[in-house]
Amino acid sequence: MAAELPELQDKPWLGCFAGHEGRGFDFALGADGKTELFFKKGRNRVNIHARFKISYVLEEQIKDRWVRRSISKDGFETEDKPSEDPEKLTFTATFTGDTKVEITHEFEKSSVIIGTKIVGKGTENPLRCGVSVMVADLYRHVEDRGLSERDLKKKIDAEIAGETVKGERKKADLYEKPELGGSDYFEGGAKWFSFESNKIAGKTMTLRSVVEGAGTIEVNQTKTAYNGFYLNWYVDPAKAETSGAQLEIEIK
């Protein structure tokens, strides 16, 4: 085991275990297990504030609550070497409580496919693992106090779409201030979820399970929707061992 994953030594991937240049995005997998998604216009990354943070999560059910565990400081194992042109990488992360999660990445031009699988349990309590994607606060400078909906519409060019676990299609413009985790939208989770904004070079990011039903996306929103939210994908424990129990993050 090592304190961190092995890392690349040259820019633009300095400090990364893997750097992937996709079609319109960069995926920087940090040697500390912290990962960032950058959107690009041409060859250049857009505003630094438009980076989306990605983390690998493990949660333990204690009574009626899911408690998130953190990756131990010396909690990484891998047989792979750092790469700036990876096709597939695997490492194991040990979380507090001594549970181990195997994390895989497969890299394609328009997407990254991430798998998480529990390979060593440190508790008898129910566990779930997955991936968390933080949609950044892209409109932090918009002050909506006193603005009409018409004025907000001029300032905020972002929309979401998705399908609930019940099969209902949903769509919303973020200037309308939707409660994305509420009953009108994705309460109970989503099969797939997409986000589009002029702040990410007009691109669309879509999250979905590689095989439908292998996982669920939960929307965690604590602020106004255009100020950012979290998309938490959890693999279905009953399907964790099956092929396709992975999250695809696609950029188009």
C-alpha atoms as a PDB file:
ATOM      1  CA  MET A   1       0.000   0.000   0.000  1.00  0.00           C
ATOM      2  CA  ALA A   2       1.107   3.560  -0.654  1.00  0.00           C
ATOM      3  CA  ALA A   3       0.139   6.972   0.657  1.00  0.00           C
ATOM      4  CA  GLU A   4      -0.868   7.971  -2.863  1.00  0.00           C
ATOM      5  CA  LEU A   5      -1.074   6.470  -6.311  1.00  0.00           C
ATOM      6  CA  PRO A   6       2.017   6.797  -8.531  1.00  0.00           C
ATOM      7  CA  GLU A   7       1.959  10.084 -10.406  1.00  0.00           C
ATOM      8  CA  LEU A   8       2.971  11.717 -13.656  1.00  0.00           C
ATOM      9  CA  GLN A   9       5.750  14.300 -13.487  1.00  0.00           C
ATOM     10  CA  ASP A  10       5.063  16.558 -16.472  1.00  0.00           C
ATOM     11  CA  LYS A  11       2.487  19.234 -17.257  1.00  0.00           C
ATOM     12  CA  PRO A  12      -0.418  19.332 -17.888  1.00  0.00           C
ATOM     13  CA  TRP A  13      -0.810  16.129 -15.854  1.00  0.00           C
ATOM     14  CA  LEU A  14       1.658  16.844 -13.055  1.00  0.00           C
ATOM     15  CA  GLY A  15       0.470  15.091  -9.883  1.00  0.00           C
ATOM     16  CA  CYS A  16      -2.020  12.871 -11.727  1.00  0.00           C
ATOM     17  CA  PHE A  17      -2.204   9.097 -11.783  1.00  0.00           C
ATOM     18  CA  ALA A  18      -3.858   9.384 -15.177  1.00  0.00           C
ATOM     19  CA  GLY A  19      -4.610  12.165 -17.630  1.00  0.00           C
ATOM     20  CA  HIS A  20      -7.091  11.630 -20.439  1.00  0.00           C
ATOM     21  CA  GLU A  21      -7.673  14.118 -23.237  1.00  0.00           C
ATOM     22  CA  GLY A  22     -11.078  13.373 -24.634  1.00  0.00           C
ATOM     23  CA  ARG A  23     -13.089  15.054 -27.353  1.00  0.00           C
ATOM     24  CA  GLY A  24     -13.883  18.414 -25.738  1.00  0.00           C
ATOM     25  CA  PHE A  25     -12.758  17.577 -22.201  1.00  0.00           C
ATOM     26  CA  ASP A  26      -9.838  16.634 -19.978  1.00  0.00           C
ATOM     27  CA  PHE A  27     -10.143  14.024 -17.229  1.00  0.00           C
ATOM     28  CA  ALA A  28      -7.485  14.377 -14.535  1.00  0.00           C
ATOM     29  CA  LEU A  29      -7.353  11.441 -12.093  1.00  0.00           C
ATOM     30  CA  GLY A  30      -5.327  12.681  -9.143  1.00  0.00           C
ATOM     31  CA  ALA A  31      -2.707  10.603  -7.366  1.00  0.00           C
ATOM     32  CA  ASP A  32      -4.573  11.432  -4.146  1.00  0.00           C
ATOM     33  CA  GLY A  33      -7.787   9.930  -5.502  1.00  0.00           C
ATOM     34  CA  LYS A  34      -9.317  13.331  -6.212  1.00  0.00           C
ATOM     35  CA  THR A  35     -10.404  13.739  -9.806  1.00  0.00           C
ATOM     36  CA  GLU A  36     -11.423  16.726 -11.914  1.00  0.00           C
ATOM     37  CA  LEU A  37     -13.275  17.065 -15.209  1.00  0.00           C
ATOM     38  CA  PHE A  38     -12.336  20.076 -17.353  1.00  0.00           C
ATOM     39  CA  PHE A  39     -14.338  21.230 -20.361  1.00  0.00           C
ATOM     40  CA  LYS A  40     -12.560  22.546 -23.437  1.00  0.00           C
ATOM     41  CA  LYS A  41     -13.228  24.879 -26.310  1.00  0.00           C
ATOM     42  CA  GLY A  42     -10.930  23.810 -29.066  1.00  0.00           C
ATOM     43  CA  ARG A  43      -7.636  22.875 -27.395  1.00  0.00           C
ATOM     44  CA  ASN A  44      -8.094  25.141 -24.390  1.00  0.00           C
ATOM     45  CA  ARG A  45      -9.815  24.515 -21.081  1.00  0.00           C
ATOM     46  CA  VAL A  46     -12.637  26.941 -20.313  1.00  0.00           C
ATOM     47  CA  ASN A  47     -12.839  28.981 -17.107  1.00  0.00           C
ATOM     48  CA  ILE A  48     -11.110  27.238 -14.196  1.00  0.00           C
ATOM     49  CA  HIS A  49     -14.325  27.577 -12.155  1.00  0.00           C
ATOM     50  CA  ALA A  50     -16.055  25.296 -14.672  1.00  0.00           C
ATOM     51  CA  ARG A  51     -14.189  22.199 -13.497  1.00  0.00           C
ATOM     52  CA  PHE A  52     -16.365  19.443 -12.036  1.00  0.00           C
ATOM     53  CA  LYS A  53     -14.959  17.458  -9.123  1.00  0.00           C
ATOM     54  CA  ILE A  54     -15.387  13.686  -9.109  1.00  0.00           C
ATOM     55  CA  SER A  55     -14.967  11.494  -6.054  1.00  0.00           C
ATOM     56  CA  TYR A  56     -15.247   7.795  -5.301  1.00  0.00           C
ATOM     57  CA  VAL A  57     -17.569   7.101  -2.411  1.00  0.00           C
ATOM     58  CA  LEU A  58     -18.370   4.430   0.133  1.00  0.00           C
ATOM     59  CA  GLU A  59     -21.303   4.724   2.505  1.00  0.00           C
ATOM     60  CA  GLU A  60     -22.249   2.585   5.496  1.00  0.00           C
ATOM     61  CA  GLN A  61     -25.804   2.307   6.756  1.00  0.00           C
ATOM     62  CA  ILE A  62     -25.953   2.955  10.497  1.00  0.00           C
ATOM     63  CA  LYS A  63     -29.500   2.646  11.781  1.00  0.00           C
ATOM     64  CA  ASP A  64     -31.522   4.718   9.300  1.00  0.00           C
ATOM     65  CA  ARG A  65     -28.682   6.889   7.985  1.00  0.00           C
ATOM     66  CA  TRP A  66     -26.104   6.458   5.270  1.00  0.00           C
ATOM     67  CA  VAL A  67     -22.745   7.613   6.630  1.00  0.00           C
ATOM     68  CA  ARG A  68     -20.031   8.455   4.117  1.00  0.00           C
ATOM     69  CA  ARG A  69     -16.566   7.050   4.747  1.00  0.00           C
ATOM     70  CA  SER A  70     -13.345   8.665   3.546  1.00  0.00           C
ATOM     71  CA  ILE A  71     -10.354   7.120   1.821  1.00  0.00           C
ATOM     72  CA  SER A  72      -7.584   6.311   4.278  1.00  0.00           C
ATOM     73  CA  LYS A  73      -4.407   8.358   3.893  1.00  0.00           C
ATOM     74  CA  ASP A  74      -2.381   5.231   3.124  1.00  0.00           C
ATOM     75  CA  GLY A  75      -5.229   3.516   1.351  1.00  0.00           C
ATOM     76  CA  PHE A  76      -4.189   2.883  -2.260  1.00  0.00           C
ATOM     77  CA  GLU A  77      -3.044  -0.242  -4.060  1.00  0.00           C
ATOM     78  CA  THR A  78      -2.421  -0.672  -7.788  1.00  0.00           C
ATOM     79  CA  GLU A  79      -0.356  -2.677 -10.224  1.00  0.00           C
ATOM     80  CA  ASP A  80      -0.810  -0.099 -12.977  1.00  0.00           C
ATOM     81  CA  LYS A  81       1.636   2.619 -13.902  1.00  0.00           C
ATOM     82  CA  PRO A  82       0.633   6.286 -14.249  1.00  0.00           C
ATOM     83  CA  SER A  83      -0.358   7.176 -17.805  1.00  0.00           C
ATOM     84  CA  GLU A  84      -1.152  10.191 -19.956  1.00  0.00           C
ATOM     85  CA  ASP A  85      -2.752   7.998 -22.609  1.00  0.00           C
ATOM     86  CA  PRO A  86      -4.623   5.324 -20.648  1.00  0.00           C
ATOM     87  CA  GLU A  87      -7.121   2.797 -21.965  1.00  0.00           C
ATOM     88  CA  LYS A  88      -7.989   1.129 -18.662  1.00  0.00           C
ATOM     89  CA  LEU A  89      -6.715   1.595 -15.113  1.00  0.00           C
ATOM     90  CA  THR A  90      -7.539  -0.167 -11.848  1.00  0.00           C
ATOM     91  CA  PHE A  91      -6.725   0.633  -8.245  1.00  0.00           C
ATOM     92  CA  THR A  92      -8.064  -0.369  -4.850  1.00  0.00           C
ATOM     93  CA  ALA A  93      -8.919   2.216  -2.203  1.00  0.00           C
ATOM     94  CA  THR A  94      -9.219   1.401   1.492  1.00  0.00           C
ATOM     95  CA  PHE A  95     -11.804   3.498   3.302  1.00  0.00           C
ATOM     96  CA  THR A  96     -12.096   4.245   7.008  1.00  0.00           C
ATOM     97  CA  GLY A  97     -13.556   1.178   8.674  1.00  0.00           C
ATOM     98  CA  ASP A  98     -11.187  -1.009   6.615  1.00  0.00           C
ATOM     99  CA  THR A  99     -13.505  -1.630   3.664  1.00  0.00           C
ATOM    100  CA  LYS A 100     -11.782  -1.951   0.286  1.00  0.00           C
ATOM    101  CA  VAL A 101     -13.290  -0.770  -2.999  1.00  0.00           C
ATOM    102  CA  GLU A 102     -11.882  -1.669  -6.412  1.00  0.00           C
ATOM    103  CA  ILE A 103     -12.158   1.286  -8.787  1.00  0.00           C
ATOM    104  CA  THR A 104     -11.754   0.924 -12.540  1.00  0.00           C
ATOM    105  CA  HIS A 105     -11.616   3.475 -15.347  1.00  0.00           C
ATOM    106  CA  GLU A 106     -12.037   2.871 -19.049  1.00  0.00           C
ATOM    107  CA  PHE A 107     -11.262   5.804 -21.321  1.00  0.00           C
ATOM    108  CA  GLU A 108     -12.897   6.611 -24.635  1.00  0.00           C
ATOM    109  CA  LYS A 109     -12.896   9.700 -26.842  1.00  0.00           C
ATOM    110  CA  SER A 110     -16.312  10.930 -25.711  1.00  0.00           C
ATOM    111  CA  SER A 111     -16.622   9.302 -22.309  1.00  0.00           C
ATOM    112  CA  VAL A 112     -15.082   7.793 -19.217  1.00  0.00           C
ATOM    113  CA  ILE A 113     -16.559   4.619 -17.728  1.00  0.00           C
ATOM    114  CA  ILE A 114     -16.059   4.124 -13.997  1.00  0.00           C
ATOM    115  CA  GLY A 115     -16.716   0.975 -11.991  1.00  0.00           C
ATOM    116  CA  THR A 116     -16.732   0.616  -8.200  1.00  0.00           C
ATOM    117  CA  LYS A 117     -16.905  -2.757  -6.458  1.00  0.00           C
ATOM    118  CA  ILE A 118     -16.518  -3.690  -2.798  1.00  0.00           C
ATOM    119  CA  VAL A 119     -13.777  -6.327  -2.539  1.00  0.00           C
ATOM    120  CA  GLY A 120     -13.221  -6.412   1.226  1.00  0.00           C
ATOM    121  CA  LYS A 121     -15.732  -5.583   3.946  1.00  0.00           C
ATOM    122  CA  GLY A 122     -14.750  -4.139   7.309  1.00  0.00           C
ATOM    123  CA  THR A 123     -18.266  -4.156   8.776  1.00  0.00           C
ATOM    124  CA  GLU A 124     -21.412  -6.248   8.848  1.00  0.00           C
ATOM    125  CA  ASN A 125     -23.563  -3.157   8.220  1.00  0.00           C
ATOM    126  CA  PRO A 126     -25.042  -2.601   4.748  1.00  0.00           C
ATOM    127  CA  LEU A 127     -22.661  -0.798   2.383  1.00  0.00           C
ATOM    128  CA  ARG A 128     -22.987   0.990  -0.928  1.00  0.00           C
ATOM    129  CA  CYS A 129     -20.316   2.410  -3.204  1.00  0.00           C
ATOM    130  CA  GLY A 130     -20.314   4.650  -6.217  1.00  0.00           C
ATOM    131  CA  VAL A 131     -19.231   7.912  -7.782  1.00  0.00           C
ATOM    132  CA  SER A 132     -20.084  11.511  -6.909  1.00  0.00           C
ATOM    133  CA  VAL A 133     -19.952  14.256  -9.542  1.00  0.00           C
ATOM    134  CA  MET A 134     -20.081  17.851  -8.336  1.00  0.00           C
ATOM    135  CA  VAL A 135     -21.726  20.178 -10.853  1.00  0.00           C
ATOM    136  CA  ALA A 136     -19.861  23.417 -10.154  1.00  0.00           C
ATOM    137  CA  ASP A 137     -21.315  26.799  -9.236  1.00  0.00           C
ATOM    138  CA  LEU A 138     -21.061  28.189 -12.753  1.00  0.00           C
ATOM    139  CA  TYR A 139     -23.172  31.277 -12.114  1.00  0.00           C
ATOM    140  CA  ARG A 140     -21.654  32.427  -8.833  1.00  0.00           C
ATOM    141  CA  HIS A 141     -21.619  36.049  -9.958  1.00  0.00           C
ATOM    142  CA  VAL A 142     -25.328  36.181 -10.761  1.00  0.00           C
ATOM    143  CA  GLU A 143     -27.216  38.097  -8.094  1.00  0.00           C
ATOM    144  CA  ASP A 144     -30.882  37.223  -8.584  1.00  0.00           C
ATOM    145  CA  ARG A 145     -32.282  39.436  -5.843  1.00  0.00           C
ATOM    146  CA  GLY A 146     -34.843  41.695  -7.457  1.00  0.00           C
ATOM    147  CA  LEU A 147     -34.361  40.226 -10.925  1.00  0.00           C
ATOM    148  CA  SER A 148     -37.380  39.159 -12.926  1.00  0.00           C
ATOM    149  CA  GLU A 149     -37.534  35.675 -14.437  1.00  0.00           C
ATOM    150  CA  ARG A 150     -36.994  37.308 -17.814  1.00  0.00           C
ATOM    151  CA  ASP A 151     -33.757  38.928 -16.597  1.00  0.00           C
ATOM    152  CA  LEU A 152     -32.574  35.675 -15.011  1.00  0.00           C
ATOM    153  CA  LYS A 153     -33.218  33.867 -18.272  1.00  0.00           C
ATOM    154  CA  LYS A 154     -30.820  36.260 -20.017  1.00  0.00           C
ATOM    155  CA  LYS A 155     -28.061  35.549 -17.483  1.00  0.00           C
ATOM    156  CA  ILE A 156     -28.443  31.792 -16.972  1.00  0.00           C
ATOM    157  CA  ASP A 157     -28.125  29.502 -19.963  1.00  0.00           C
ATOM    158  CA  ALA A 158     -28.243  26.037 -18.462  1.00  0.00           C
ATOM    159  CA  GLU A 159     -30.680  23.158 -18.583  1.00  0.00           C
ATOM    160  CA  ILE A 160     -31.025  19.623 -17.328  1.00  0.00           C
ATOM    161  CA  ALA A 161     -32.875  16.550 -18.532  1.00  0.00           C
ATOM    162  CA  GLY A 162     -33.245  13.003 -17.340  1.00  0.00           C
ATOM    163  CA  GLU A 163     -35.413   9.997 -16.705  1.00  0.00           C
ATOM    164  CA  THR A 164     -36.691   8.995 -13.284  1.00  0.00           C
ATOM    165  CA  VAL A 165     -36.436   5.433 -12.005  1.00  0.00           C
ATOM    166  CA  LYS A 166     -40.173   5.187 -12.776  1.00  0.00           C
ATOM    167  CA  GLY A 167     -39.516   5.964 -16.434  1.00  0.00           C
ATOM    168  CA  GLU A 168     -40.755   9.577 -16.482  1.00  0.00           C
ATOM    169  CA  ARG A 169     -38.836  12.054 -18.653  1.00  0.00           C
ATOM    170  CA  LYS A 170     -38.034  15.391 -17.010  1.00  0.00           C
ATOM    171  CA  LYS A 171     -36.520  18.625 -18.293  1.00  0.00           C
ATOM    172  CA  ALA A 172     -35.883  22.041 -16.745  1.00  0.00           C
ATOM    173  CA  ASP A 173     -34.147  25.354 -17.353  1.00  0.00           C
ATOM    174  CA  LEU A 174     -32.111  26.265 -14.290  1.00  0.00           C
ATOM    175  CA  TYR A 175     -33.155  29.922 -14.298  1.00  0.00           C
ATOM    176  CA  GLU A 176     -36.559  28.575 -13.178  1.00  0.00           C
ATOM    177  CA  LYS A 177     -34.910  27.426  -9.911  1.00  0.00           C
ATOM    178  CA  PRO A 178     -36.170  23.817  -9.943  1.00  0.00           C
ATOM    179  CA  GLU A 179     -35.862  21.563  -6.894  1.00  0.00           C
ATOM    180  CA  LEU A 180     -34.149  18.734  -8.729  1.00  0.00           C
ATOM    181  CA  GLY A 181     -34.302  16.243  -5.875  1.00  0.00           C
ATOM    182  CA  GLY A 182     -37.965  16.948  -5.193  1.00  0.00           C
ATOM    183  CA  SER A 183     -41.151  15.153  -6.155  1.00  0.00           C
ATOM    184  CA  ASP A 184     -41.565  17.158  -9.371  1.00  0.00           C
ATOM    185  CA  TYR A 185     -38.239  15.923 -10.670  1.00  0.00           C
ATOM    186  CA  PHE A 186     -35.884  13.182  -9.458  1.00  0.00           C
ATOM    187  CA  GLU A 187     -37.064  12.178  -6.016  1.00  0.00           C
ATOM    188  CA  GLY A 188     -36.148   8.505  -5.728  1.00  0.00           C
ATOM    189  CA  GLY A 189     -33.369   8.802  -8.278  1.00  0.00           C
ATOM    190  CA  ALA A 190     -32.727   8.889 -12.002  1.00  0.00           C
ATOM    191  CA  LYS A 191     -31.767   6.334 -14.644  1.00  0.00           C
ATOM    192  CA  TRP A 192     -29.835   8.985 -16.545  1.00  0.00           C
ATOM    193  CA  PHE A 193     -29.206  12.680 -16.119  1.00  0.00           C
ATOM    194  CA  SER A 194     -27.787  15.332 -18.459  1.00  0.00           C
ATOM    195  CA  PHE A 195     -26.535  18.876 -17.894  1.00  0.00           C
ATOM    196  CA  GLU A 196     -25.894  21.496 -20.572  1.00  0.00           C
ATOM    197  CA  SER A 197     -24.574  25.038 -20.179  1.00  0.00           C
ATOM    198  CA  ASN A 198     -22.875  27.816 -22.108  1.00  0.00           C
ATOM    199  CA  LYS A 199     -20.354  27.902 -19.241  1.00  0.00           C
ATOM    200  CA  ILE A 200     -18.997  24.497 -20.270  1.00  0.00           C
ATOM    201  CA  ALA A 201     -18.523  25.548 -23.904  1.00  0.00           C
ATOM    202  CA  GLY A 202     -22.100  24.596 -24.766  1.00  0.00           C
ATOM    203  CA  LYS A 203     -21.416  20.928 -24.167  1.00  0.00           C
ATOM    204  CA  THR A 204     -23.692  18.339 -22.595  1.00  0.00           C
ATOM    205  CA  MET A 205     -22.556  16.001 -19.817  1.00  0.00           C
ATOM    206  CA  THR A 206     -24.652  12.852 -19.437  1.00  0.00           C
ATOM    207  CA  LEU A 207     -24.461  10.313 -16.627  1.00  0.00           C
ATOM    208  CA  ARG A 208     -25.941   6.825 -17.022  1.00  0.00           C
ATOM    209  CA  SER A 209     -25.335   3.238 -15.966  1.00  0.00           C
ATOM    210  CA  VAL A 210     -23.658   1.186 -18.692  1.00  0.00           C
ATOM    211  CA  VAL A 211     -26.429  -1.373 -18.207  1.00  0.00           C
ATOM    212  CA  GLU A 212     -29.795   0.111 -17.293  1.00  0.00           C
ATOM    213  CA  GLY A 213     -30.786  -0.736 -13.742  1.00  0.00           C
ATOM    214  CA  ALA A 214     -27.246  -1.445 -12.555  1.00  0.00           C
ATOM    215  CA  GLY A 215     -27.164   1.796 -10.610  1.00  0.00           C
ATOM    216  CA  THR A 216     -29.163   4.855  -9.616  1.00  0.00           C
ATOM    217  CA  ILE A 217     -28.325   8.564  -9.762  1.00  0.00           C
ATOM    218  CA  GLU A 218     -29.408  10.623  -6.765  1.00  0.00           C
ATOM    219  CA  VAL A 219     -29.528  14.426  -7.021  1.00  0.00           C
ATOM    220  CA  ASN A 220     -28.306  16.233  -3.911  1.00  0.00           C
ATOM    221  CA  GLN A 221     -29.181  19.928  -4.168  1.00  0.00           C
ATOM    222  CA  THR A 222     -28.763  22.277  -1.202  1.00  0.00           C
ATOM    223  CA  LYS A 223     -28.582  25.602  -3.084  1.00  0.00           C
ATOM    224  CA  THR A 224     -30.388  27.175  -6.009  1.00  0.00           C
ATOM    225  CA  ALA A 225     -29.943  24.743  -8.913  1.00  0.00           C
ATOM    226  CA  TYR A 226     -27.810  27.068 -11.029  1.00  0.00           C
ATOM    227  CA  ASN A 227     -25.383  27.434  -8.094  1.00  0.00           C
ATOM    228  CA  GLY A 228     -24.439  23.764  -8.327  1.00  0.00           C
ATOM    229  CA  PHE A 229     -25.471  20.354  -7.025  1.00  0.00           C
ATOM    230  CA  TYR A 230     -24.187  16.806  -6.688  1.00  0.00           C
ATOM    231  CA  LEU A 231     -25.001  13.780  -8.824  1.00  0.00           C
ATOM    232  CA  ASN A 232     -24.358  10.659  -6.760  1.00  0.00           C
ATOM    233  CA  TRP A 233     -24.381   7.355  -8.629  1.00  0.00           C
ATOM    234  CA  TYR A 234     -24.645   4.211  -6.496  1.00  0.00           C
ATOM    235  CA  VAL A 235     -24.209   0.734  -7.900  1.00  0.00           C
ATOM    236  CA  ASP A 236     -27.013  -1.697  -7.070  1.00  0.00           C
ATOM    237  CA  PRO A 237     -25.405  -4.169  -4.604  1.00  0.00           C
ATOM    238  CA  ALA A 238     -27.387  -7.011  -6.177  1.00  0.00           C
ATOM    239  CA  LYS A 239     -25.794  -6.270  -9.561  1.00  0.00           C
ATOM    240  CA  ALA A 240     -22.306  -5.239  -8.453  1.00  0.00           C
ATOM    241  CA  GLU A 241     -20.774  -8.477  -9.743  1.00  0.00           C
ATOM    242  CA  THR A 242     -22.441  -8.319 -13.158  1.00  0.00           C
ATOM    243  CA  SER A 243     -20.927  -6.909 -16.332  1.00  0.00           C
ATOM    244  CA  GLY A 244     -21.993  -3.336 -16.971  1.00  0.00           C
ATOM    245  CA  ALA A 245     -22.379  -2.284 -13.324  1.00  0.00           C
ATOM    246  CA  GLN A 246     -20.527   0.910 -14.173  1.00  0.00           C
ATOM    247  CA  LEU A 247     -21.150   4.604 -14.571  1.00  0.00           C
ATOM    248  CA  GLU A 248     -20.602   6.261 -17.935  1.00  0.00           C
ATOM    249  CA  ILE A 249     -19.817   9.981 -18.019  1.00  0.00           C
ATOM    250  CA  GLU A 250     -20.282  11.150 -21.593  1.00  0.00           C
ATOM    251  CA  ILE A 251     -19.385  14.582 -23.001  1.00  0.00           C
ATOM    252  CA  LYS A 252     -20.803  15.749 -26.325  1.00  0.00           C
END
